[in-house]
Amino acid sequence: MSKIFARNLLFNKQVMATDGTEIGTLSNIVVEIKGGRIIDLMVTPNVNLDISRYKKEDTYILLPFDSVSAIKDYIIIDKMKARA
C-alpha cells in the first residue's frame, strides 16, 4: 500500500467494508513503537454489526491495517482480511 499520512486518518471517520457494510467509526490506531508501522485500527462497531468474527479489545474491534483498501471520505476495508 502506498503511504498514508496521519492527516488522512481522521479519527471519527466512518469505516466501511468493500461490500458496503457499515463497520463502525475509527476511534484510535495501534502503532508499532520501533518502526512506526500502523498495526490495527481500533473501531467502535455499529450496533447492528455481528462482531463475533473480529478481534476485540474492550468495546472496540481491531481491524488489521493490512485490510485497508482505501482511505478517502470513508476508510474501506476488506472484510475477509479483517476477520480474526
N, C-alpha and C. Protein backbone atom coordinates (compact mmCIF):
# COMPACT_ATOMS: atom_id res chain seq x y z
N MET A 1 0.85 -1.17 0.00
CA MET A 1 0.00 0.00 0.00
C MET A 1 0.89 1.23 0.00
N SER A 2 0.44 2.26 -0.67
CA SER A 2 1.21 3.50 -0.71
C SER A 2 1.14 4.20 0.65
N LYS A 3 1.88 5.27 0.79
CA LYS A 3 1.94 6.00 2.05
C LYS A 3 0.58 6.62 2.37
N ILE A 4 0.24 6.58 3.66
CA ILE A 4 -0.98 7.21 4.17
C ILE A 4 -0.54 8.21 5.23
N PHE A 5 -0.87 9.45 5.05
CA PHE A 5 -0.49 10.48 6.02
C PHE A 5 -1.50 10.53 7.16
N ALA A 6 -1.00 10.83 8.36
CA ALA A 6 -1.84 10.85 9.55
C ALA A 6 -3.04 11.78 9.38
N ARG A 7 -2.88 12.88 8.67
CA ARG A 7 -4.00 13.81 8.50
C ARG A 7 -5.16 13.17 7.72
N ASN A 8 -4.86 12.08 6.97
CA ASN A 8 -5.92 11.38 6.25
C ASN A 8 -6.61 10.32 7.11
N LEU A 9 -6.02 9.98 8.25
CA LEU A 9 -6.63 9.03 9.18
C LEU A 9 -7.37 9.79 10.27
N LEU A 10 -8.28 10.62 9.86
CA LEU A 10 -9.01 11.43 10.83
C LEU A 10 -9.84 10.53 11.72
N PHE A 11 -9.70 10.74 13.01
CA PHE A 11 -10.48 9.94 13.94
C PHE A 11 -11.94 10.33 13.80
N ASN A 12 -12.81 9.43 14.16
CA ASN A 12 -14.27 9.53 13.97
C ASN A 12 -14.66 9.40 12.51
N LYS A 13 -13.74 8.91 11.66
CA LYS A 13 -14.05 8.66 10.26
C LYS A 13 -14.79 7.33 10.18
N GLN A 14 -15.77 7.25 9.30
CA GLN A 14 -16.56 6.03 9.13
C GLN A 14 -15.73 4.94 8.45
N VAL A 15 -15.92 3.71 8.90
CA VAL A 15 -15.24 2.55 8.34
C VAL A 15 -16.29 1.66 7.68
N MET A 16 -16.06 1.35 6.40
CA MET A 16 -16.98 0.51 5.65
C MET A 16 -16.22 -0.65 5.01
N ALA A 17 -16.95 -1.72 4.72
CA ALA A 17 -16.38 -2.86 4.02
C ALA A 17 -16.55 -2.66 2.52
N THR A 18 -15.79 -3.39 1.75
CA THR A 18 -15.87 -3.29 0.30
C THR A 18 -17.25 -3.67 -0.23
N ASP A 19 -18.02 -4.42 0.54
CA ASP A 19 -19.38 -4.80 0.12
C ASP A 19 -20.44 -3.80 0.57
N GLY A 20 -20.01 -2.68 1.17
CA GLY A 20 -20.93 -1.63 1.59
C GLY A 20 -21.41 -1.73 3.03
N THR A 21 -21.02 -2.77 3.74
CA THR A 21 -21.39 -2.93 5.14
C THR A 21 -20.75 -1.82 5.98
N GLU A 22 -21.55 -1.16 6.80
CA GLU A 22 -21.00 -0.14 7.71
C GLU A 22 -20.43 -0.86 8.93
N ILE A 23 -19.11 -0.76 9.08
CA ILE A 23 -18.42 -1.45 10.17
C ILE A 23 -18.50 -0.64 11.47
N GLY A 24 -18.21 0.66 11.39
CA GLY A 24 -18.24 1.50 12.58
C GLY A 24 -17.47 2.78 12.38
N THR A 25 -16.91 3.31 13.46
CA THR A 25 -16.22 4.59 13.46
C THR A 25 -14.81 4.42 14.03
N LEU A 26 -13.82 4.97 13.32
CA LEU A 26 -12.44 4.90 13.79
C LEU A 26 -12.29 5.67 15.10
N SER A 27 -11.76 4.98 16.10
CA SER A 27 -11.56 5.62 17.41
C SER A 27 -10.10 5.86 17.72
N ASN A 28 -9.23 4.93 17.29
CA ASN A 28 -7.81 5.05 17.60
C ASN A 28 -7.04 4.11 16.67
N ILE A 29 -5.73 4.18 16.74
CA ILE A 29 -4.88 3.27 15.96
C ILE A 29 -3.85 2.65 16.88
N VAL A 30 -3.39 1.46 16.52
CA VAL A 30 -2.32 0.77 17.25
C VAL A 30 -1.09 0.84 16.35
N VAL A 31 0.01 1.41 16.91
CA VAL A 31 1.23 1.65 16.14
C VAL A 31 2.39 0.88 16.76
N GLU A 32 3.22 0.30 15.91
CA GLU A 32 4.45 -0.36 16.35
C GLU A 32 5.43 0.74 16.77
N ILE A 33 5.92 0.69 17.99
CA ILE A 33 6.77 1.75 18.53
C ILE A 33 8.07 1.90 17.75
N LYS A 34 8.77 0.80 17.50
CA LYS A 34 10.08 0.89 16.86
C LYS A 34 10.03 1.43 15.45
N GLY A 35 9.17 0.89 14.63
CA GLY A 35 9.16 1.28 13.21
C GLY A 35 8.10 2.30 12.85
N GLY A 36 7.12 2.51 13.75
CA GLY A 36 6.06 3.46 13.47
C GLY A 36 5.00 2.91 12.52
N ARG A 37 5.03 1.61 12.28
CA ARG A 37 4.06 0.98 11.38
C ARG A 37 2.71 0.86 12.07
N ILE A 38 1.64 1.20 11.35
CA ILE A 38 0.29 1.04 11.88
C ILE A 38 -0.06 -0.44 11.83
N ILE A 39 -0.46 -0.97 12.96
CA ILE A 39 -0.79 -2.39 13.05
C ILE A 39 -2.30 -2.62 12.92
N ASP A 40 -3.07 -1.93 13.76
CA ASP A 40 -4.52 -2.12 13.79
C ASP A 40 -5.25 -0.78 13.84
N LEU A 41 -6.50 -0.80 13.37
CA LEU A 41 -7.42 0.30 13.57
C LEU A 41 -8.35 -0.12 14.70
N MET A 42 -8.54 0.74 15.69
CA MET A 42 -9.49 0.47 16.76
C MET A 42 -10.79 1.15 16.36
N VAL A 43 -11.83 0.34 16.19
CA VAL A 43 -13.10 0.84 15.65
C VAL A 43 -14.23 0.60 16.65
N THR A 44 -15.03 1.63 16.86
CA THR A 44 -16.26 1.47 17.63
C THR A 44 -17.27 0.88 16.66
N PRO A 45 -17.70 -0.38 16.90
CA PRO A 45 -18.55 -1.04 15.90
C PRO A 45 -19.97 -0.49 15.88
N ASN A 46 -20.60 -0.57 14.71
CA ASN A 46 -22.02 -0.26 14.58
C ASN A 46 -22.80 -1.23 15.45
N VAL A 47 -23.92 -0.78 15.99
CA VAL A 47 -24.71 -1.63 16.89
C VAL A 47 -25.27 -2.85 16.16
N ASN A 48 -25.49 -2.77 14.86
CA ASN A 48 -26.06 -3.87 14.09
C ASN A 48 -25.02 -4.85 13.57
N LEU A 49 -23.74 -4.58 13.79
CA LEU A 49 -22.67 -5.42 13.25
C LEU A 49 -22.45 -6.65 14.13
N ASP A 50 -22.36 -7.82 13.50
CA ASP A 50 -22.01 -9.04 14.22
C ASP A 50 -20.50 -9.03 14.44
N ILE A 51 -20.07 -8.80 15.67
CA ILE A 51 -18.64 -8.64 15.97
C ILE A 51 -17.98 -9.95 16.37
N SER A 52 -18.70 -11.06 16.30
CA SER A 52 -18.17 -12.34 16.78
C SER A 52 -16.95 -12.82 15.99
N ARG A 53 -16.78 -12.37 14.75
CA ARG A 53 -15.66 -12.84 13.93
C ARG A 53 -14.48 -11.87 13.91
N TYR A 54 -14.54 -10.85 14.73
CA TYR A 54 -13.47 -9.84 14.75
C TYR A 54 -12.69 -9.93 16.05
N LYS A 55 -11.42 -9.55 15.99
CA LYS A 55 -10.59 -9.44 17.19
C LYS A 55 -11.12 -8.26 17.99
N LYS A 56 -11.22 -8.42 19.31
CA LYS A 56 -11.81 -7.38 20.16
C LYS A 56 -10.85 -6.92 21.25
N GLU A 57 -11.01 -5.68 21.66
CA GLU A 57 -10.32 -5.14 22.82
C GLU A 57 -11.27 -4.17 23.49
N ASP A 58 -11.69 -4.50 24.70
CA ASP A 58 -12.71 -3.72 25.42
C ASP A 58 -13.96 -3.61 24.55
N THR A 59 -14.41 -2.41 24.26
CA THR A 59 -15.62 -2.21 23.46
C THR A 59 -15.32 -2.00 21.99
N TYR A 60 -14.06 -2.15 21.59
CA TYR A 60 -13.64 -1.90 20.21
C TYR A 60 -13.41 -3.22 19.47
N ILE A 61 -13.48 -3.14 18.13
CA ILE A 61 -12.97 -4.24 17.32
C ILE A 61 -11.67 -3.75 16.70
N LEU A 62 -10.73 -4.67 16.52
CA LEU A 62 -9.43 -4.33 15.95
C LEU A 62 -9.38 -4.85 14.52
N LEU A 63 -9.15 -3.95 13.59
CA LEU A 63 -9.06 -4.30 12.19
C LEU A 63 -7.61 -4.13 11.75
N PRO A 64 -6.98 -5.18 11.22
CA PRO A 64 -5.59 -5.05 10.78
C PRO A 64 -5.46 -3.99 9.70
N PHE A 65 -4.44 -3.17 9.80
CA PHE A 65 -4.25 -2.11 8.81
C PHE A 65 -4.05 -2.70 7.41
N ASP A 66 -3.57 -3.93 7.34
CA ASP A 66 -3.40 -4.61 6.05
C ASP A 66 -4.73 -4.85 5.34
N SER A 67 -5.83 -4.77 6.08
CA SER A 67 -7.15 -4.98 5.47
C SER A 67 -7.70 -3.71 4.82
N VAL A 68 -7.03 -2.58 5.01
CA VAL A 68 -7.49 -1.31 4.44
C VAL A 68 -7.20 -1.30 2.94
N SER A 69 -8.24 -1.01 2.15
CA SER A 69 -8.04 -0.94 0.70
C SER A 69 -8.10 0.49 0.18
N ALA A 70 -8.71 1.41 0.93
CA ALA A 70 -8.78 2.81 0.50
C ALA A 70 -9.10 3.70 1.69
N ILE A 71 -8.59 4.93 1.62
CA ILE A 71 -8.91 5.95 2.62
C ILE A 71 -9.23 7.23 1.87
N LYS A 72 -10.48 7.59 1.88
CA LYS A 72 -10.95 8.84 1.25
C LYS A 72 -11.98 9.44 2.20
N ASP A 73 -13.22 9.53 1.74
CA ASP A 73 -14.29 10.00 2.62
C ASP A 73 -14.58 8.99 3.71
N TYR A 74 -14.37 7.72 3.38
CA TYR A 74 -14.52 6.61 4.32
C TYR A 74 -13.22 5.83 4.32
N ILE A 75 -13.04 5.02 5.36
CA ILE A 75 -11.97 4.03 5.36
C ILE A 75 -12.61 2.74 4.88
N ILE A 76 -12.11 2.19 3.78
CA ILE A 76 -12.69 0.98 3.20
C ILE A 76 -11.79 -0.20 3.53
N ILE A 77 -12.40 -1.26 4.08
CA ILE A 77 -11.63 -2.45 4.44
C ILE A 77 -12.18 -3.68 3.73
N ASP A 78 -11.32 -4.67 3.57
CA ASP A 78 -11.70 -5.97 3.02
C ASP A 78 -12.08 -6.83 4.22
N LYS A 79 -13.36 -7.19 4.33
CA LYS A 79 -13.85 -7.95 5.50
C LYS A 79 -13.14 -9.29 5.66
N MET A 80 -12.80 -9.94 4.57
CA MET A 80 -12.16 -11.24 4.67
C MET A 80 -10.77 -11.13 5.31
N LYS A 81 -10.06 -10.06 5.06
CA LYS A 81 -8.74 -9.85 5.65
C LYS A 81 -8.85 -9.35 7.09
N ALA A 82 -10.00 -8.80 7.44
CA ALA A 82 -10.16 -8.18 8.76
C ALA A 82 -10.63 -9.14 9.84
N ARG A 83 -11.08 -10.30 9.45
CA ARG A 83 -11.63 -11.23 10.44
C ARG A 83 -10.54 -11.99 11.17
N ALA A 84 -10.83 -12.27 12.43
CA ALA A 84 -9.86 -12.98 13.29
C ALA A 84 -9.77 -14.44 12.97
